[in-house]
Amino acid sequence: MGLLACLGMSTVEKHYTVKGMTCGRCERSVQEDVEGLAGVSSAQADHATGRLVVRGEEVDDAAVRAAVFEAGYQVET
């Protein structure tokens, strides 16, 4: 049992499609900015598929979109 489960919290997993990532550096930039958000425990980006998976106890869609934009990319709607 994970720490969040012990504390009565559940982990949320959300998937996004990010436009403009072309390399590993792009992935790291997006991941670092998103992982800096409150409530996010991990972010995994894949430039080949354009996928971003975000996990945490609370994942705020607007904050994720803003962090991706700050990194220089755009979340598709």
N, C-alpha and C. Protein backbone atom coordinates (compact mmCIF):
# COMPACT_ATOMS: atom_id res chain seq x y z
N MET A 1 0.85 -1.17 0.00
CA MET A 1 0.00 0.00 0.00
C MET A 1 0.90 1.24 0.00
N GLY A 2 0.59 2.19 -0.86
CA GLY A 2 1.39 3.39 -0.97
C GLY A 2 1.08 4.39 0.12
N LEU A 3 1.93 5.39 0.26
CA LEU A 3 1.78 6.42 1.28
C LEU A 3 0.45 7.16 1.13
N LEU A 4 0.08 7.52 -0.10
CA LEU A 4 -1.18 8.24 -0.31
C LEU A 4 -2.37 7.41 0.15
N ALA A 5 -2.34 6.12 -0.13
CA ALA A 5 -3.43 5.25 0.28
C ALA A 5 -3.49 5.16 1.80
N CYS A 6 -2.34 5.10 2.46
CA CYS A 6 -2.30 5.05 3.92
C CYS A 6 -2.89 6.31 4.53
N LEU A 7 -2.73 7.42 3.86
CA LEU A 7 -3.25 8.69 4.36
C LEU A 7 -4.69 8.93 3.92
N GLY A 8 -5.29 7.95 3.24
CA GLY A 8 -6.67 8.09 2.81
C GLY A 8 -6.82 8.90 1.53
N MET A 9 -5.72 9.10 0.81
CA MET A 9 -5.75 9.85 -0.45
C MET A 9 -5.58 8.87 -1.61
N SER A 10 -6.14 9.21 -2.74
CA SER A 10 -5.97 8.35 -3.90
C SER A 10 -5.19 9.09 -4.98
N THR A 11 -4.46 8.34 -5.74
CA THR A 11 -3.68 8.91 -6.83
C THR A 11 -4.55 9.00 -8.07
N VAL A 12 -4.47 10.14 -8.73
CA VAL A 12 -5.19 10.38 -9.97
C VAL A 12 -4.18 10.27 -11.10
N GLU A 13 -4.58 9.73 -12.23
CA GLU A 13 -3.73 9.68 -13.42
C GLU A 13 -4.49 10.33 -14.56
N LYS A 14 -3.88 11.35 -15.15
CA LYS A 14 -4.51 12.04 -16.27
C LYS A 14 -3.59 12.01 -17.48
N HIS A 15 -4.21 11.93 -18.66
CA HIS A 15 -3.48 11.85 -19.91
C HIS A 15 -3.77 13.09 -20.75
N TYR A 16 -2.70 13.60 -21.38
CA TYR A 16 -2.81 14.78 -22.23
C TYR A 16 -2.04 14.52 -23.53
N THR A 17 -2.39 15.26 -24.57
CA THR A 17 -1.65 15.24 -25.81
C THR A 17 -1.00 16.62 -25.96
N VAL A 18 0.33 16.61 -26.12
CA VAL A 18 1.10 17.85 -26.18
C VAL A 18 1.64 18.03 -27.60
N LYS A 19 1.41 19.20 -28.16
CA LYS A 19 1.89 19.52 -29.51
C LYS A 19 3.26 20.21 -29.42
N GLY A 20 4.16 19.80 -30.32
CA GLY A 20 5.42 20.50 -30.47
C GLY A 20 6.64 19.83 -29.88
N MET A 21 6.50 18.77 -29.10
CA MET A 21 7.68 18.09 -28.56
C MET A 21 8.35 17.30 -29.67
N THR A 22 9.66 17.49 -29.83
CA THR A 22 10.37 16.80 -30.91
C THR A 22 11.58 16.00 -30.44
N CYS A 23 11.93 16.10 -29.15
CA CYS A 23 13.15 15.42 -28.69
C CYS A 23 13.09 15.16 -27.18
N GLY A 24 14.10 14.50 -26.69
CA GLY A 24 14.19 14.20 -25.27
C GLY A 24 14.27 15.45 -24.41
N ARG A 25 14.92 16.47 -24.90
CA ARG A 25 15.01 17.75 -24.16
C ARG A 25 13.61 18.35 -23.98
N CYS A 26 12.78 18.23 -25.00
CA CYS A 26 11.39 18.70 -24.93
C CYS A 26 10.65 17.95 -23.82
N GLU A 27 10.81 16.64 -23.80
CA GLU A 27 10.17 15.81 -22.78
C GLU A 27 10.57 16.27 -21.38
N ARG A 28 11.88 16.44 -21.16
CA ARG A 28 12.37 16.84 -19.84
C ARG A 28 11.84 18.20 -19.42
N SER A 29 11.78 19.12 -20.36
CA SER A 29 11.28 20.46 -20.06
C SER A 29 9.82 20.41 -19.59
N VAL A 30 9.00 19.67 -20.31
CA VAL A 30 7.58 19.53 -19.95
C VAL A 30 7.47 18.82 -18.60
N GLN A 31 8.18 17.72 -18.44
CA GLN A 31 8.11 16.95 -17.19
C GLN A 31 8.51 17.80 -16.00
N GLU A 32 9.61 18.53 -16.10
CA GLU A 32 10.09 19.34 -14.98
C GLU A 32 9.08 20.42 -14.60
N ASP A 33 8.51 21.09 -15.59
CA ASP A 33 7.55 22.15 -15.29
C ASP A 33 6.28 21.59 -14.66
N VAL A 34 5.80 20.47 -15.16
CA VAL A 34 4.57 19.88 -14.63
C VAL A 34 4.83 19.28 -13.24
N GLU A 35 5.98 18.64 -13.04
CA GLU A 35 6.28 18.04 -11.73
C GLU A 35 6.45 19.11 -10.65
N GLY A 36 6.67 20.35 -11.03
CA GLY A 36 6.78 21.43 -10.06
C GLY A 36 5.44 21.92 -9.54
N LEU A 37 4.35 21.40 -10.08
CA LEU A 37 3.02 21.83 -9.65
C LEU A 37 2.61 21.16 -8.35
N ALA A 38 1.89 21.91 -7.52
CA ALA A 38 1.36 21.35 -6.28
C ALA A 38 0.42 20.19 -6.60
N GLY A 39 0.55 19.11 -5.83
CA GLY A 39 -0.33 17.96 -5.99
C GLY A 39 0.11 16.95 -7.03
N VAL A 40 1.15 17.28 -7.81
CA VAL A 40 1.65 16.37 -8.85
C VAL A 40 2.82 15.58 -8.28
N SER A 41 2.75 14.25 -8.37
CA SER A 41 3.84 13.41 -7.88
C SER A 41 4.77 12.98 -9.01
N SER A 42 4.25 12.87 -10.24
CA SER A 42 5.12 12.52 -11.37
C SER A 42 4.47 12.93 -12.69
N ALA A 43 5.34 13.14 -13.67
CA ALA A 43 4.89 13.43 -15.03
C ALA A 43 5.81 12.69 -15.98
N GLN A 44 5.24 12.07 -16.99
CA GLN A 44 6.02 11.35 -17.98
C GLN A 44 5.57 11.79 -19.36
N ALA A 45 6.50 12.38 -20.12
CA ALA A 45 6.21 12.85 -21.47
C ALA A 45 6.92 11.97 -22.48
N ASP A 46 6.31 11.81 -23.64
CA ASP A 46 6.89 11.03 -24.74
C ASP A 46 6.75 11.85 -26.02
N HIS A 47 7.88 12.34 -26.53
CA HIS A 47 7.82 13.20 -27.72
C HIS A 47 7.37 12.43 -28.96
N ALA A 48 7.65 11.14 -29.04
CA ALA A 48 7.28 10.36 -30.22
C ALA A 48 5.77 10.25 -30.38
N THR A 49 5.06 10.15 -29.27
CA THR A 49 3.61 10.02 -29.33
C THR A 49 2.88 11.31 -28.97
N GLY A 50 3.62 12.25 -28.37
CA GLY A 50 3.00 13.49 -27.92
C GLY A 50 2.20 13.32 -26.64
N ARG A 51 2.38 12.20 -25.98
CA ARG A 51 1.60 11.90 -24.76
C ARG A 51 2.29 12.44 -23.51
N LEU A 52 1.46 12.88 -22.58
CA LEU A 52 1.91 13.31 -21.26
C LEU A 52 1.00 12.64 -20.25
N VAL A 53 1.59 11.90 -19.31
CA VAL A 53 0.84 11.25 -18.24
C VAL A 53 1.25 11.92 -16.94
N VAL A 54 0.25 12.41 -16.21
CA VAL A 54 0.49 13.12 -14.96
C VAL A 54 -0.20 12.36 -13.84
N ARG A 55 0.54 12.12 -12.75
CA ARG A 55 0.00 11.42 -11.59
C ARG A 55 0.15 12.30 -10.35
N GLY A 56 -0.83 12.20 -9.47
CA GLY A 56 -0.75 12.94 -8.22
C GLY A 56 -2.03 12.82 -7.44
N GLU A 57 -2.04 13.43 -6.26
CA GLU A 57 -3.25 13.37 -5.43
C GLU A 57 -4.29 14.36 -5.93
N GLU A 58 -3.85 15.46 -6.51
CA GLU A 58 -4.74 16.44 -7.13
C GLU A 58 -4.05 16.96 -8.37
N VAL A 59 -4.65 16.77 -9.51
CA VAL A 59 -4.08 17.24 -10.77
C VAL A 59 -5.03 18.28 -11.35
N ASP A 60 -4.59 19.52 -11.36
CA ASP A 60 -5.39 20.64 -11.85
C ASP A 60 -5.13 20.81 -13.34
N ASP A 61 -6.16 20.54 -14.18
CA ASP A 61 -6.00 20.61 -15.63
C ASP A 61 -5.49 21.98 -16.09
N ALA A 62 -6.04 23.04 -15.55
CA ALA A 62 -5.63 24.39 -15.95
C ALA A 62 -4.16 24.64 -15.61
N ALA A 63 -3.72 24.16 -14.45
CA ALA A 63 -2.33 24.33 -14.04
C ALA A 63 -1.40 23.52 -14.94
N VAL A 64 -1.81 22.30 -15.31
CA VAL A 64 -1.00 21.47 -16.22
C VAL A 64 -0.87 22.17 -17.57
N ARG A 65 -1.97 22.65 -18.10
CA ARG A 65 -1.94 23.37 -19.38
C ARG A 65 -1.03 24.58 -19.32
N ALA A 66 -1.09 25.33 -18.23
CA ALA A 66 -0.25 26.52 -18.07
C ALA A 66 1.22 26.14 -17.98
N ALA A 67 1.54 25.05 -17.27
CA ALA A 67 2.93 24.61 -17.14
C ALA A 67 3.48 24.14 -18.49
N VAL A 68 2.66 23.43 -19.25
CA VAL A 68 3.08 22.98 -20.59
C VAL A 68 3.32 24.20 -21.49
N PHE A 69 2.44 25.17 -21.41
CA PHE A 69 2.58 26.40 -22.19
C PHE A 69 3.86 27.14 -21.78
N GLU A 70 4.12 27.21 -20.49
CA GLU A 70 5.33 27.87 -19.97
C GLU A 70 6.60 27.18 -20.50
N ALA A 71 6.51 25.86 -20.69
CA ALA A 71 7.65 25.11 -21.22
C ALA A 71 7.82 25.33 -22.73
N GLY A 72 6.82 25.95 -23.36
CA GLY A 72 6.92 26.25 -24.79
C GLY A 72 6.09 25.36 -25.70
N TYR A 73 5.12 24.65 -25.12
CA TYR A 73 4.31 23.70 -25.89
C TYR A 73 2.83 23.95 -25.62
N GLN A 74 1.98 23.16 -26.26
CA GLN A 74 0.54 23.36 -26.13
C GLN A 74 -0.16 22.03 -25.93
N VAL A 75 -1.10 22.00 -24.99
CA VAL A 75 -1.93 20.82 -24.79
C VAL A 75 -3.08 20.89 -25.78
N GLU A 76 -3.29 19.82 -26.54
CA GLU A 76 -4.41 19.77 -27.46
C GLU A 76 -5.70 19.58 -26.69
N THR A 77 -6.77 20.18 -27.21
CA THR A 77 -8.06 20.02 -26.54
C THR A 77 -8.92 19.01 -27.27
